[in-house]
N, C-alpha and C. Protein backbone atom coordinates (compact mmCIF):
# COMPACT_ATOMS: atom_id res chain seq x y z
N MET A 1 -6.67 -12.51 68.41
CA MET A 1 -5.78 -11.35 68.32
C MET A 1 -4.32 -11.82 68.37
N ALA A 2 -3.51 -11.25 67.47
CA ALA A 2 -2.10 -11.64 67.40
C ALA A 2 -1.35 -11.17 68.65
N ARG A 3 -0.37 -11.95 69.03
CA ARG A 3 0.49 -11.53 70.14
C ARG A 3 1.25 -10.27 69.75
N PRO A 4 1.63 -9.47 70.75
CA PRO A 4 2.46 -8.29 70.43
C PRO A 4 3.77 -8.74 69.78
N LEU A 5 4.32 -7.89 68.96
CA LEU A 5 5.61 -8.16 68.35
C LEU A 5 6.67 -8.37 69.43
N CYS A 6 7.56 -9.31 69.19
CA CYS A 6 8.69 -9.56 70.08
C CYS A 6 9.81 -8.60 69.70
N LEU A 7 10.33 -7.87 70.67
CA LEU A 7 11.36 -6.86 70.42
C LEU A 7 12.71 -7.37 70.91
N LEU A 8 13.67 -7.42 70.00
CA LEU A 8 15.01 -7.92 70.30
C LEU A 8 16.01 -6.78 70.14
N PHE A 9 16.62 -6.38 71.23
CA PHE A 9 17.51 -5.23 71.25
C PHE A 9 18.97 -5.65 71.29
N ASP A 10 19.78 -5.03 70.47
CA ASP A 10 21.21 -5.05 70.70
C ASP A 10 21.48 -4.31 72.01
N CYS A 11 22.67 -4.52 72.58
CA CYS A 11 22.98 -3.87 73.86
C CYS A 11 23.87 -2.65 73.66
N ASP A 12 25.14 -2.86 73.30
CA ASP A 12 26.10 -1.77 73.21
C ASP A 12 25.75 -0.81 72.07
N GLY A 13 25.55 0.45 72.41
CA GLY A 13 25.24 1.44 71.40
C GLY A 13 23.78 1.56 71.06
N THR A 14 22.98 0.60 71.55
CA THR A 14 21.54 0.64 71.32
C THR A 14 20.81 0.93 72.63
N LEU A 15 21.12 0.17 73.66
CA LEU A 15 20.52 0.39 74.98
C LEU A 15 21.44 1.19 75.89
N VAL A 16 22.73 0.89 75.82
CA VAL A 16 23.68 1.52 76.75
C VAL A 16 24.84 2.14 75.98
N ASP A 17 25.37 3.23 76.53
CA ASP A 17 26.44 3.97 75.85
C ASP A 17 27.80 3.43 76.28
N SER A 18 28.01 2.16 76.03
CA SER A 18 29.22 1.47 76.48
C SER A 18 30.37 1.56 75.49
N GLU A 19 30.09 1.91 74.25
CA GLU A 19 31.13 1.84 73.23
C GLU A 19 32.33 2.75 73.50
N PRO A 20 32.14 3.98 74.01
CA PRO A 20 33.33 4.78 74.34
C PRO A 20 34.21 4.13 75.41
N LEU A 21 33.58 3.48 76.40
CA LEU A 21 34.36 2.79 77.43
C LEU A 21 35.10 1.59 76.85
N LEU A 22 34.40 0.81 76.03
CA LEU A 22 35.02 -0.35 75.38
C LEU A 22 36.18 0.07 74.50
N ALA A 23 35.96 1.11 73.68
CA ALA A 23 37.01 1.56 72.77
C ALA A 23 38.24 2.04 73.53
N SER A 24 38.02 2.71 74.64
CA SER A 24 39.14 3.19 75.46
C SER A 24 39.95 2.03 76.03
N GLU A 25 39.26 1.01 76.55
CA GLU A 25 39.96 -0.15 77.11
C GLU A 25 40.70 -0.92 76.02
N MET A 26 40.09 -1.02 74.84
CA MET A 26 40.75 -1.72 73.75
C MET A 26 42.00 -0.97 73.29
N GLU A 27 41.93 0.34 73.26
CA GLU A 27 43.10 1.14 72.87
C GLU A 27 44.27 0.85 73.80
N THR A 28 44.02 0.87 75.09
CA THR A 28 45.08 0.63 76.08
C THR A 28 45.63 -0.78 75.96
N SER A 29 44.75 -1.77 75.90
CA SER A 29 45.18 -3.17 75.94
C SER A 29 45.86 -3.61 74.65
N LEU A 30 45.26 -3.30 73.52
CA LEU A 30 45.80 -3.76 72.24
C LEU A 30 47.12 -3.08 71.91
N THR A 31 47.19 -1.79 72.15
CA THR A 31 48.43 -1.07 71.85
C THR A 31 49.57 -1.59 72.71
N ALA A 32 49.27 -1.99 73.93
CA ALA A 32 50.30 -2.49 74.85
C ALA A 32 50.95 -3.79 74.37
N VAL A 33 50.23 -4.57 73.55
CA VAL A 33 50.81 -5.83 73.05
C VAL A 33 51.30 -5.71 71.61
N GLY A 34 51.40 -4.48 71.11
CA GLY A 34 51.95 -4.28 69.78
C GLY A 34 50.95 -4.29 68.65
N LEU A 35 49.67 -4.10 68.98
CA LEU A 35 48.63 -4.00 67.96
C LEU A 35 48.06 -2.59 68.03
N PRO A 36 48.65 -1.65 67.29
CA PRO A 36 48.25 -0.25 67.40
C PRO A 36 46.75 -0.07 67.14
N PHE A 37 46.10 0.60 68.08
CA PHE A 37 44.64 0.76 68.01
C PHE A 37 44.26 2.04 68.73
N ARG A 38 43.43 2.85 68.08
CA ARG A 38 42.90 4.06 68.69
C ARG A 38 41.42 3.88 68.96
N ALA A 39 40.94 4.54 69.99
CA ALA A 39 39.51 4.43 70.32
C ALA A 39 38.65 4.79 69.12
N SER A 40 39.07 5.74 68.33
CA SER A 40 38.29 6.15 67.15
C SER A 40 38.22 5.06 66.10
N ASP A 41 39.18 4.12 66.12
CA ASP A 41 39.15 3.00 65.16
C ASP A 41 37.93 2.12 65.39
N TYR A 42 37.55 1.97 66.67
CA TYR A 42 36.38 1.13 66.97
C TYR A 42 35.12 1.73 66.38
N ILE A 43 34.90 3.01 66.64
CA ILE A 43 33.69 3.66 66.13
C ILE A 43 33.72 3.74 64.61
N GLY A 44 34.90 4.00 64.06
CA GLY A 44 34.99 4.21 62.62
C GLY A 44 34.98 2.94 61.78
N GLU A 45 35.53 1.83 62.33
CA GLU A 45 35.71 0.64 61.50
C GLU A 45 35.15 -0.64 62.09
N PHE A 46 35.18 -0.78 63.40
CA PHE A 46 34.93 -2.08 64.01
C PHE A 46 33.68 -2.13 64.88
N ARG A 47 32.85 -1.12 64.84
CA ARG A 47 31.73 -1.05 65.78
C ARG A 47 30.83 -2.28 65.64
N GLY A 48 30.61 -2.96 66.79
CA GLY A 48 29.73 -4.13 66.82
C GLY A 48 30.40 -5.43 66.48
N ALA A 49 31.67 -5.38 66.04
CA ALA A 49 32.36 -6.60 65.63
C ALA A 49 32.82 -7.42 66.84
N ARG A 50 32.97 -8.71 66.63
CA ARG A 50 33.50 -9.59 67.67
C ARG A 50 34.94 -9.21 67.98
N PHE A 51 35.29 -9.23 69.28
CA PHE A 51 36.63 -8.81 69.69
C PHE A 51 37.70 -9.62 68.97
N ARG A 52 37.53 -10.93 68.88
CA ARG A 52 38.55 -11.76 68.24
C ARG A 52 38.69 -11.47 66.74
N HIS A 53 37.59 -11.02 66.12
CA HIS A 53 37.68 -10.60 64.71
C HIS A 53 38.55 -9.35 64.60
N ILE A 54 38.39 -8.42 65.53
CA ILE A 54 39.20 -7.20 65.53
C ILE A 54 40.67 -7.56 65.72
N VAL A 55 40.94 -8.44 66.68
CA VAL A 55 42.33 -8.86 66.93
C VAL A 55 42.93 -9.50 65.69
N ALA A 56 42.17 -10.38 65.04
CA ALA A 56 42.69 -11.06 63.85
C ALA A 56 43.03 -10.07 62.74
N GLU A 57 42.19 -9.06 62.57
CA GLU A 57 42.46 -8.06 61.53
C GLU A 57 43.69 -7.23 61.89
N LEU A 58 43.85 -6.87 63.16
CA LEU A 58 45.03 -6.11 63.57
C LEU A 58 46.30 -6.96 63.44
N GLU A 59 46.20 -8.24 63.74
CA GLU A 59 47.37 -9.12 63.57
C GLU A 59 47.73 -9.23 62.09
N ARG A 60 46.74 -9.26 61.22
CA ARG A 60 47.01 -9.30 59.78
C ARG A 60 47.80 -8.07 59.36
N ARG A 61 47.49 -6.94 59.95
CA ARG A 61 48.15 -5.69 59.57
C ARG A 61 49.50 -5.49 60.25
N HIS A 62 49.62 -5.96 61.50
CA HIS A 62 50.79 -5.58 62.29
C HIS A 62 51.64 -6.75 62.78
N GLY A 63 51.18 -7.97 62.52
CA GLY A 63 51.94 -9.13 62.95
C GLY A 63 51.28 -9.86 64.10
N ALA A 64 51.54 -11.16 64.18
CA ALA A 64 50.88 -12.02 65.16
C ALA A 64 51.41 -11.76 66.57
N VAL A 65 50.53 -12.00 67.54
CA VAL A 65 50.86 -11.90 68.95
C VAL A 65 50.66 -13.29 69.57
N ASP A 66 51.50 -13.65 70.50
CA ASP A 66 51.42 -14.96 71.16
C ASP A 66 50.01 -15.19 71.71
N ALA A 67 49.47 -16.39 71.46
CA ALA A 67 48.09 -16.69 71.83
C ALA A 67 47.87 -16.59 73.34
N ASP A 68 48.83 -17.04 74.14
CA ASP A 68 48.68 -16.95 75.60
C ASP A 68 48.64 -15.50 76.05
N ARG A 69 49.43 -14.67 75.41
CA ARG A 69 49.43 -13.25 75.75
C ARG A 69 48.09 -12.61 75.41
N LEU A 70 47.53 -13.02 74.28
CA LEU A 70 46.23 -12.49 73.89
C LEU A 70 45.13 -12.93 74.85
N GLU A 71 45.23 -14.15 75.34
CA GLU A 71 44.23 -14.64 76.29
C GLU A 71 44.26 -13.81 77.59
N VAL A 72 45.46 -13.53 78.07
CA VAL A 72 45.60 -12.70 79.27
C VAL A 72 45.08 -11.29 79.00
N LEU A 73 45.42 -10.76 77.83
CA LEU A 73 44.96 -9.42 77.44
C LEU A 73 43.45 -9.33 77.48
N GLU A 74 42.78 -10.31 76.85
CA GLU A 74 41.32 -10.25 76.78
C GLU A 74 40.70 -10.39 78.17
N ARG A 75 41.25 -11.29 78.99
CA ARG A 75 40.72 -11.47 80.33
C ARG A 75 40.84 -10.18 81.15
N ASP A 76 42.01 -9.57 81.11
CA ASP A 76 42.24 -8.36 81.90
C ASP A 76 41.42 -7.19 81.36
N MET A 77 41.34 -7.09 80.03
CA MET A 77 40.57 -6.00 79.43
C MET A 77 39.10 -6.09 79.82
N ARG A 78 38.56 -7.29 79.78
CA ARG A 78 37.13 -7.45 80.12
C ARG A 78 36.89 -7.18 81.61
N ALA A 79 37.83 -7.56 82.45
CA ALA A 79 37.68 -7.28 83.88
C ALA A 79 37.70 -5.77 84.13
N ASN A 80 38.63 -5.07 83.48
CA ASN A 80 38.70 -3.61 83.62
C ASN A 80 37.44 -2.96 83.08
N LEU A 81 36.96 -3.47 81.94
CA LEU A 81 35.77 -2.90 81.33
C LEU A 81 34.55 -3.10 82.23
N ASN A 82 34.41 -4.28 82.81
CA ASN A 82 33.26 -4.54 83.69
C ASN A 82 33.27 -3.61 84.90
N ARG A 83 34.44 -3.31 85.41
CA ARG A 83 34.51 -2.36 86.53
C ARG A 83 34.04 -0.97 86.10
N ARG A 84 34.44 -0.56 84.91
CA ARG A 84 34.03 0.76 84.43
C ARG A 84 32.55 0.79 84.07
N LEU A 85 32.05 -0.30 83.52
CA LEU A 85 30.62 -0.36 83.20
C LEU A 85 29.78 -0.21 84.46
N ALA A 86 30.22 -0.82 85.53
CA ALA A 86 29.44 -0.80 86.77
C ALA A 86 29.35 0.59 87.38
N THR A 87 30.31 1.46 87.06
CA THR A 87 30.35 2.77 87.72
C THR A 87 30.12 3.94 86.77
N ASP A 88 30.48 3.80 85.50
CA ASP A 88 30.49 4.95 84.59
C ASP A 88 29.43 4.89 83.49
N LEU A 89 28.75 3.76 83.36
CA LEU A 89 27.87 3.56 82.22
C LEU A 89 26.56 4.33 82.34
N THR A 90 26.07 4.83 81.20
CA THR A 90 24.76 5.49 81.14
C THR A 90 23.95 4.88 80.00
N PRO A 91 22.61 4.98 80.08
CA PRO A 91 21.79 4.49 78.97
C PRO A 91 21.96 5.38 77.74
N ILE A 92 21.72 4.83 76.58
CA ILE A 92 21.61 5.64 75.37
C ILE A 92 20.44 6.61 75.56
N THR A 93 20.61 7.83 75.12
CA THR A 93 19.56 8.84 75.26
C THR A 93 18.24 8.33 74.67
N GLY A 94 17.20 8.37 75.47
CA GLY A 94 15.88 7.95 75.03
C GLY A 94 15.57 6.49 75.24
N ALA A 95 16.58 5.68 75.59
CA ALA A 95 16.34 4.25 75.73
C ALA A 95 15.42 3.93 76.90
N THR A 96 15.66 4.55 78.04
CA THR A 96 14.83 4.29 79.22
C THR A 96 13.38 4.64 78.95
N GLU A 97 13.15 5.78 78.32
CA GLU A 97 11.78 6.21 78.01
C GLU A 97 11.13 5.29 76.98
N ALA A 98 11.88 4.88 75.97
CA ALA A 98 11.33 4.00 74.94
C ALA A 98 10.94 2.65 75.52
N LEU A 99 11.79 2.09 76.35
CA LEU A 99 11.50 0.80 76.95
C LEU A 99 10.28 0.87 77.86
N ALA A 100 10.14 1.95 78.59
CA ALA A 100 8.96 2.11 79.45
C ALA A 100 7.69 2.16 78.62
N ALA A 101 7.75 2.83 77.48
CA ALA A 101 6.57 2.94 76.62
C ALA A 101 6.23 1.61 75.95
N LEU A 102 7.21 0.72 75.83
CA LEU A 102 7.03 -0.55 75.11
C LEU A 102 6.92 -1.74 76.07
N ALA A 103 6.64 -1.48 77.32
CA ALA A 103 6.67 -2.52 78.34
C ALA A 103 5.68 -3.65 78.10
N GLY A 104 4.67 -3.44 77.27
CA GLY A 104 3.71 -4.51 76.99
C GLY A 104 4.21 -5.55 76.02
N HIS A 105 5.37 -5.34 75.45
CA HIS A 105 5.94 -6.28 74.48
C HIS A 105 6.93 -7.22 75.17
N PRO A 106 7.00 -8.47 74.71
CA PRO A 106 8.11 -9.33 75.14
C PRO A 106 9.41 -8.76 74.58
N MET A 107 10.46 -8.71 75.41
CA MET A 107 11.70 -8.08 74.99
C MET A 107 12.90 -8.91 75.41
N GLY A 108 13.89 -8.97 74.56
CA GLY A 108 15.14 -9.64 74.87
C GLY A 108 16.31 -8.82 74.38
N VAL A 109 17.50 -9.17 74.87
CA VAL A 109 18.74 -8.51 74.45
C VAL A 109 19.58 -9.53 73.69
N VAL A 110 20.07 -9.11 72.53
CA VAL A 110 20.85 -10.00 71.65
C VAL A 110 22.18 -9.31 71.36
N SER A 111 23.26 -9.87 71.89
CA SER A 111 24.54 -9.16 71.84
C SER A 111 25.69 -10.08 71.46
N ASN A 112 26.68 -9.51 70.79
CA ASN A 112 27.92 -10.22 70.52
C ASN A 112 28.81 -10.32 71.75
N GLY A 113 28.46 -9.64 72.82
CA GLY A 113 29.27 -9.64 74.02
C GLY A 113 28.93 -10.79 74.95
N PRO A 114 29.80 -11.06 75.94
CA PRO A 114 29.53 -12.11 76.93
C PRO A 114 28.32 -11.75 77.79
N VAL A 115 27.65 -12.76 78.32
CA VAL A 115 26.42 -12.51 79.07
C VAL A 115 26.69 -11.73 80.36
N ASN A 116 27.85 -11.94 80.99
CA ASN A 116 28.13 -11.17 82.21
C ASN A 116 28.29 -9.68 81.90
N LYS A 117 28.81 -9.36 80.72
CA LYS A 117 28.93 -7.96 80.30
C LYS A 117 27.55 -7.36 80.03
N ILE A 118 26.68 -8.14 79.39
CA ILE A 118 25.31 -7.67 79.14
C ILE A 118 24.63 -7.37 80.47
N ARG A 119 24.72 -8.32 81.40
CA ARG A 119 24.02 -8.16 82.68
C ARG A 119 24.60 -6.99 83.47
N THR A 120 25.92 -6.87 83.50
CA THR A 120 26.55 -5.75 84.20
C THR A 120 26.05 -4.42 83.63
N SER A 121 25.96 -4.34 82.31
CA SER A 121 25.51 -3.11 81.66
C SER A 121 24.07 -2.78 82.02
N LEU A 122 23.21 -3.78 82.03
CA LEU A 122 21.80 -3.55 82.31
C LEU A 122 21.58 -3.19 83.79
N ILE A 123 22.32 -3.84 84.68
CA ILE A 123 22.21 -3.51 86.10
C ILE A 123 22.67 -2.08 86.35
N ALA A 124 23.78 -1.69 85.71
CA ALA A 124 24.33 -0.35 85.93
C ALA A 124 23.40 0.75 85.46
N THR A 125 22.54 0.44 84.49
CA THR A 125 21.64 1.45 83.93
C THR A 125 20.18 1.23 84.34
N ASP A 126 19.96 0.34 85.32
CA ASP A 126 18.62 0.07 85.85
C ASP A 126 17.65 -0.46 84.78
N LEU A 127 18.17 -1.25 83.85
CA LEU A 127 17.33 -1.81 82.79
C LEU A 127 17.14 -3.32 82.93
N GLU A 128 17.82 -3.94 83.87
CA GLU A 128 17.83 -5.41 83.94
C GLU A 128 16.44 -6.00 84.14
N ALA A 129 15.60 -5.37 84.96
CA ALA A 129 14.29 -5.94 85.29
C ALA A 129 13.40 -6.05 84.07
N LEU A 130 13.64 -5.24 83.06
CA LEU A 130 12.80 -5.25 81.86
C LEU A 130 13.03 -6.49 81.01
N PHE A 131 14.18 -7.13 81.17
CA PHE A 131 14.54 -8.24 80.30
C PHE A 131 14.65 -9.58 81.03
N GLY A 132 14.79 -9.56 82.34
CA GLY A 132 14.90 -10.82 83.07
C GLY A 132 16.05 -11.66 82.56
N ASP A 133 15.74 -12.92 82.25
CA ASP A 133 16.77 -13.84 81.76
C ASP A 133 16.82 -13.91 80.24
N TYR A 134 16.10 -13.02 79.58
CA TYR A 134 16.11 -13.03 78.11
C TYR A 134 17.33 -12.27 77.59
N LEU A 135 18.50 -12.78 77.93
CA LEU A 135 19.78 -12.20 77.52
C LEU A 135 20.49 -13.22 76.66
N PHE A 136 20.68 -12.90 75.41
CA PHE A 136 21.21 -13.87 74.44
C PHE A 136 22.58 -13.42 73.96
N SER A 137 23.59 -14.15 74.39
CA SER A 137 24.98 -13.82 74.09
C SER A 137 25.52 -14.72 72.98
N ALA A 138 26.29 -14.13 72.09
CA ALA A 138 26.94 -14.91 71.04
C ALA A 138 27.88 -15.96 71.62
N TYR A 139 28.45 -15.67 72.79
CA TYR A 139 29.39 -16.62 73.41
C TYR A 139 28.67 -17.87 73.90
N GLU A 140 27.40 -17.73 74.27
CA GLU A 140 26.64 -18.90 74.70
C GLU A 140 26.05 -19.64 73.50
N ALA A 141 25.62 -18.88 72.50
CA ALA A 141 25.05 -19.50 71.29
C ALA A 141 26.12 -20.01 70.34
N GLN A 142 27.37 -19.50 70.54
CA GLN A 142 28.50 -19.85 69.67
C GLN A 142 28.24 -19.47 68.21
N CYS A 143 27.61 -18.31 68.02
CA CYS A 143 27.50 -17.71 66.70
C CYS A 143 27.40 -16.20 66.89
N TRP A 144 28.09 -15.48 66.03
CA TRP A 144 28.25 -14.04 66.20
C TRP A 144 27.66 -13.28 65.00
N LYS A 145 27.02 -12.15 65.28
CA LYS A 145 26.62 -11.26 64.20
C LYS A 145 27.88 -10.91 63.40
N PRO A 146 27.80 -10.86 62.07
CA PRO A 146 26.61 -10.76 61.20
C PRO A 146 25.96 -12.07 60.81
N ASP A 147 26.35 -13.19 61.40
CA ASP A 147 25.63 -14.44 61.14
C ASP A 147 24.22 -14.31 61.70
N PRO A 148 23.20 -14.62 60.92
CA PRO A 148 21.82 -14.47 61.40
C PRO A 148 21.42 -15.46 62.48
N CYS A 149 22.26 -16.46 62.74
CA CYS A 149 21.86 -17.52 63.67
C CYS A 149 21.63 -17.00 65.08
N LEU A 150 22.33 -15.93 65.50
CA LEU A 150 22.16 -15.43 66.86
C LEU A 150 20.77 -14.85 67.05
N TYR A 151 20.29 -14.08 66.09
CA TYR A 151 18.94 -13.54 66.20
C TYR A 151 17.89 -14.66 66.10
N ARG A 152 18.13 -15.63 65.24
CA ARG A 152 17.19 -16.76 65.14
C ARG A 152 17.16 -17.56 66.45
N HIS A 153 18.31 -17.74 67.04
CA HIS A 153 18.43 -18.43 68.32
C HIS A 153 17.59 -17.72 69.39
N ALA A 154 17.71 -16.41 69.46
CA ALA A 154 16.97 -15.63 70.45
C ALA A 154 15.47 -15.75 70.22
N ALA A 155 15.04 -15.63 68.97
CA ALA A 155 13.61 -15.71 68.65
C ALA A 155 13.06 -17.08 69.05
N ALA A 156 13.79 -18.13 68.73
CA ALA A 156 13.31 -19.48 69.03
C ALA A 156 13.16 -19.68 70.54
N LEU A 157 14.12 -19.21 71.32
CA LEU A 157 14.04 -19.40 72.76
C LEU A 157 12.95 -18.55 73.40
N MET A 158 12.57 -17.47 72.72
CA MET A 158 11.47 -16.65 73.23
C MET A 158 10.11 -17.13 72.70
N GLY A 159 10.14 -18.14 71.82
CA GLY A 159 8.90 -18.73 71.33
C GLY A 159 8.25 -17.96 70.20
N TYR A 160 9.06 -17.27 69.41
CA TYR A 160 8.53 -16.47 68.31
C TYR A 160 9.19 -16.86 66.99
N ALA A 161 8.42 -16.78 65.91
CA ALA A 161 8.98 -16.92 64.58
C ALA A 161 9.71 -15.63 64.22
N PRO A 162 10.75 -15.69 63.39
CA PRO A 162 11.48 -14.47 63.03
C PRO A 162 10.58 -13.36 62.48
N GLU A 163 9.57 -13.74 61.71
CA GLU A 163 8.72 -12.70 61.11
C GLU A 163 7.84 -11.99 62.13
N ASP A 164 7.77 -12.51 63.34
CA ASP A 164 7.01 -11.86 64.40
C ASP A 164 7.91 -11.09 65.37
N CYS A 165 9.17 -10.89 64.95
CA CYS A 165 10.14 -10.18 65.78
C CYS A 165 10.59 -8.89 65.10
N VAL A 166 10.89 -7.92 65.92
CA VAL A 166 11.52 -6.69 65.45
C VAL A 166 12.87 -6.58 66.14
N ALA A 167 13.94 -6.45 65.36
CA ALA A 167 15.28 -6.28 65.91
C ALA A 167 15.65 -4.80 65.87
N ILE A 168 16.18 -4.32 66.97
CA ILE A 168 16.62 -2.93 67.05
C ILE A 168 18.11 -2.95 67.30
N ASP A 169 18.89 -2.44 66.35
CA ASP A 169 20.36 -2.57 66.42
C ASP A 169 20.99 -1.32 65.83
N ASP A 170 22.10 -0.90 66.44
CA ASP A 170 22.77 0.29 65.92
C ASP A 170 23.92 -0.04 64.99
N ALA A 171 24.47 -1.24 65.08
CA ALA A 171 25.64 -1.61 64.29
C ALA A 171 25.23 -2.30 63.00
N LEU A 172 25.97 -2.00 61.93
CA LEU A 172 25.60 -2.57 60.63
C LEU A 172 25.71 -4.09 60.63
N VAL A 173 26.66 -4.65 61.40
CA VAL A 173 26.75 -6.12 61.45
C VAL A 173 25.49 -6.72 62.06
N GLY A 174 24.91 -6.03 63.04
CA GLY A 174 23.68 -6.51 63.66
C GLY A 174 22.47 -6.31 62.79
N VAL A 175 22.41 -5.17 62.11
CA VAL A 175 21.30 -4.91 61.19
C VAL A 175 21.27 -5.97 60.11
N GLN A 176 22.43 -6.28 59.54
CA GLN A 176 22.48 -7.28 58.48
C GLN A 176 22.11 -8.66 59.00
N ALA A 177 22.56 -8.99 60.21
CA ALA A 177 22.23 -10.29 60.79
C ALA A 177 20.73 -10.45 60.95
N ALA A 178 20.06 -9.42 61.44
CA ALA A 178 18.62 -9.50 61.67
C ALA A 178 17.84 -9.52 60.36
N LEU A 179 18.31 -8.76 59.37
CA LEU A 179 17.66 -8.82 58.06
C LEU A 179 17.77 -10.22 57.47
N ASP A 180 18.94 -10.81 57.57
CA ASP A 180 19.15 -12.16 57.03
C ASP A 180 18.37 -13.21 57.82
N ALA A 181 18.04 -12.88 59.07
CA ALA A 181 17.24 -13.79 59.90
C ALA A 181 15.76 -13.72 59.56
N GLY A 182 15.37 -12.76 58.73
CA GLY A 182 13.98 -12.65 58.31
C GLY A 182 13.12 -11.80 59.22
N MET A 183 13.75 -10.92 59.99
CA MET A 183 13.03 -10.06 60.92
C MET A 183 12.80 -8.67 60.35
N THR A 184 11.83 -7.97 60.91
CA THR A 184 11.73 -6.54 60.68
C THR A 184 12.86 -5.89 61.48
N VAL A 185 13.57 -4.95 60.86
CA VAL A 185 14.77 -4.40 61.48
C VAL A 185 14.69 -2.88 61.56
N ILE A 186 14.95 -2.37 62.74
CA ILE A 186 15.06 -0.93 62.95
C ILE A 186 16.51 -0.61 63.24
N HIS A 187 17.07 0.24 62.40
CA HIS A 187 18.47 0.64 62.55
C HIS A 187 18.53 1.95 63.32
N LEU A 188 19.05 1.90 64.54
CA LEU A 188 19.30 3.12 65.29
C LEU A 188 20.57 3.74 64.74
N ASN A 189 20.40 4.66 63.82
CA ASN A 189 21.53 5.27 63.12
C ASN A 189 21.87 6.60 63.80
N ARG A 190 22.77 6.54 64.76
CA ARG A 190 23.16 7.75 65.50
C ARG A 190 24.21 8.56 64.77
N PHE A 191 24.68 8.05 63.63
CA PHE A 191 25.67 8.76 62.82
C PHE A 191 25.20 8.83 61.37
N PRO A 192 24.03 9.44 61.12
CA PRO A 192 23.44 9.41 59.77
C PRO A 192 24.28 10.11 58.71
N ASP A 193 25.16 11.02 59.12
CA ASP A 193 26.01 11.70 58.15
C ASP A 193 27.17 10.81 57.69
N ALA A 194 27.46 9.79 58.48
CA ALA A 194 28.61 8.93 58.17
C ALA A 194 28.22 7.50 57.84
N GLU A 195 27.00 7.11 58.16
CA GLU A 195 26.60 5.71 58.02
C GLU A 195 25.27 5.62 57.28
N GLN A 196 25.19 4.68 56.35
CA GLN A 196 23.98 4.50 55.56
C GLN A 196 23.21 3.29 56.07
N THR A 197 21.92 3.47 56.26
CA THR A 197 21.07 2.37 56.70
C THR A 197 20.87 1.39 55.55
N PRO A 198 21.12 0.10 55.77
CA PRO A 198 20.95 -0.89 54.70
C PRO A 198 19.53 -0.95 54.16
N GLU A 199 19.42 -1.28 52.90
CA GLU A 199 18.11 -1.43 52.28
C GLU A 199 17.31 -2.50 53.02
N GLY A 200 16.05 -2.21 53.27
CA GLY A 200 15.18 -3.15 53.95
C GLY A 200 15.02 -2.87 55.43
N ALA A 201 15.89 -2.04 55.99
CA ALA A 201 15.79 -1.67 57.40
C ALA A 201 15.12 -0.31 57.54
N ILE A 202 14.50 -0.08 58.68
CA ILE A 202 13.87 1.20 59.01
C ILE A 202 14.86 2.01 59.82
N MET A 203 15.12 3.24 59.42
CA MET A 203 16.08 4.06 60.13
C MET A 203 15.39 4.96 61.15
N ILE A 204 15.95 5.00 62.37
CA ILE A 204 15.62 6.04 63.33
C ILE A 204 16.94 6.64 63.77
N THR A 205 16.91 7.88 64.22
CA THR A 205 18.14 8.53 64.68
C THR A 205 18.14 8.75 66.18
N SER A 206 17.06 8.41 66.84
CA SER A 206 16.94 8.56 68.29
C SER A 206 16.02 7.49 68.83
N MET A 207 16.32 7.00 70.02
CA MET A 207 15.46 6.00 70.64
C MET A 207 14.11 6.59 71.01
N PHE A 208 14.01 7.90 71.12
CA PHE A 208 12.72 8.53 71.39
C PHE A 208 11.71 8.22 70.27
N GLN A 209 12.20 7.92 69.07
CA GLN A 209 11.32 7.64 67.92
C GLN A 209 10.78 6.21 67.94
N LEU A 210 11.41 5.35 68.71
CA LEU A 210 11.10 3.92 68.61
C LEU A 210 9.65 3.57 68.93
N PRO A 211 9.04 4.05 70.02
CA PRO A 211 7.66 3.65 70.31
C PRO A 211 6.68 3.96 69.18
N THR A 212 6.86 5.08 68.52
CA THR A 212 5.96 5.43 67.40
C THR A 212 6.14 4.45 66.25
N VAL A 213 7.38 4.09 65.95
CA VAL A 213 7.64 3.15 64.85
C VAL A 213 7.04 1.79 65.18
N ILE A 214 7.20 1.32 66.39
CA ILE A 214 6.63 0.03 66.78
C ILE A 214 5.11 0.08 66.73
N SER A 215 4.52 1.17 67.19
CA SER A 215 3.06 1.33 67.13
C SER A 215 2.56 1.25 65.69
N ASN A 216 3.27 1.90 64.78
CA ASN A 216 2.87 1.85 63.37
C ASN A 216 3.01 0.45 62.79
N LEU A 217 4.06 -0.26 63.18
CA LEU A 217 4.22 -1.64 62.72
C LEU A 217 3.08 -2.52 63.22
N GLU A 218 2.69 -2.33 64.46
CA GLU A 218 1.57 -3.10 65.02
C GLU A 218 0.27 -2.79 64.28
N LYS A 219 0.02 -1.52 63.98
CA LYS A 219 -1.20 -1.14 63.26
C LYS A 219 -1.22 -1.76 61.87
N ASN A 220 -0.11 -1.69 61.17
CA ASN A 220 -0.03 -2.27 59.83
C ASN A 220 -0.22 -3.78 59.87
N ARG A 221 0.29 -4.38 60.91
CA ARG A 221 0.15 -5.83 61.09
C ARG A 221 -1.31 -6.20 61.33
N SER A 222 -1.98 -5.41 62.14
CA SER A 222 -3.40 -5.67 62.44
C SER A 222 -4.26 -5.53 61.19
N VAL A 223 -3.94 -4.54 60.37
CA VAL A 223 -4.69 -4.33 59.12
C VAL A 223 -4.47 -5.53 58.19
N ALA A 224 -3.22 -5.99 58.10
CA ALA A 224 -2.91 -7.12 57.22
C ALA A 224 -3.65 -8.38 57.68
N VAL A 225 -3.73 -8.59 59.00
CA VAL A 225 -4.42 -9.77 59.53
C VAL A 225 -5.91 -9.68 59.26
N SER A 226 -6.48 -8.50 59.41
CA SER A 226 -7.92 -8.34 59.21
C SER A 226 -8.33 -8.53 57.75
N ARG A 227 -7.40 -8.29 56.84
CA ARG A 227 -7.69 -8.44 55.41
C ARG A 227 -7.43 -9.86 54.94
N ALA A 228 -6.73 -10.62 55.73
CA ALA A 228 -6.37 -11.99 55.31
C ALA A 228 -7.59 -12.91 55.30
């Protein structure tokens, strides 16, 4: 009998509703150093992107900022964000229930954020025990979505081939990374009127739908194995 599918979850916007907090902190910090930024810009244009990529694009538009100043900005912004995550963060609607229903699967978190941010988010929402040490940060792997290497890195460390993994991600950069990594991809599209799910990915609009989709994938996989 085949092992259960390995489930690899993005963190921000997929498991936890951290993006409004992140966008708010970025608005305050970036605007203060002369890089005009509104919280709505994150959701509308930069969702899921690496922070330094966002900074580089804003510098291209508005002019360069001293590197030392940017380093202090990022350090202080992340410290402020971690404090807010610890007290104000909530799970994405349906995430807690979906994870409970899928507890028989090996599961990991794959994020463009630092590992301390991932862990803080999971502790604040009582999800940490479900993942243990299977927290895969782009900062530790030194590769960021949309590069597929981060998802491949996570699969390898969990002992699975990419084709035996399902990636669940809300951001298009993450969906594309997992598709390019050769995984089955479920796009949590919470903004279906504004965002199109890439070809090859399975769209859901709520985490409540996830257990049924995974169950169907397992059934189809079992049928394919029995016919082989």
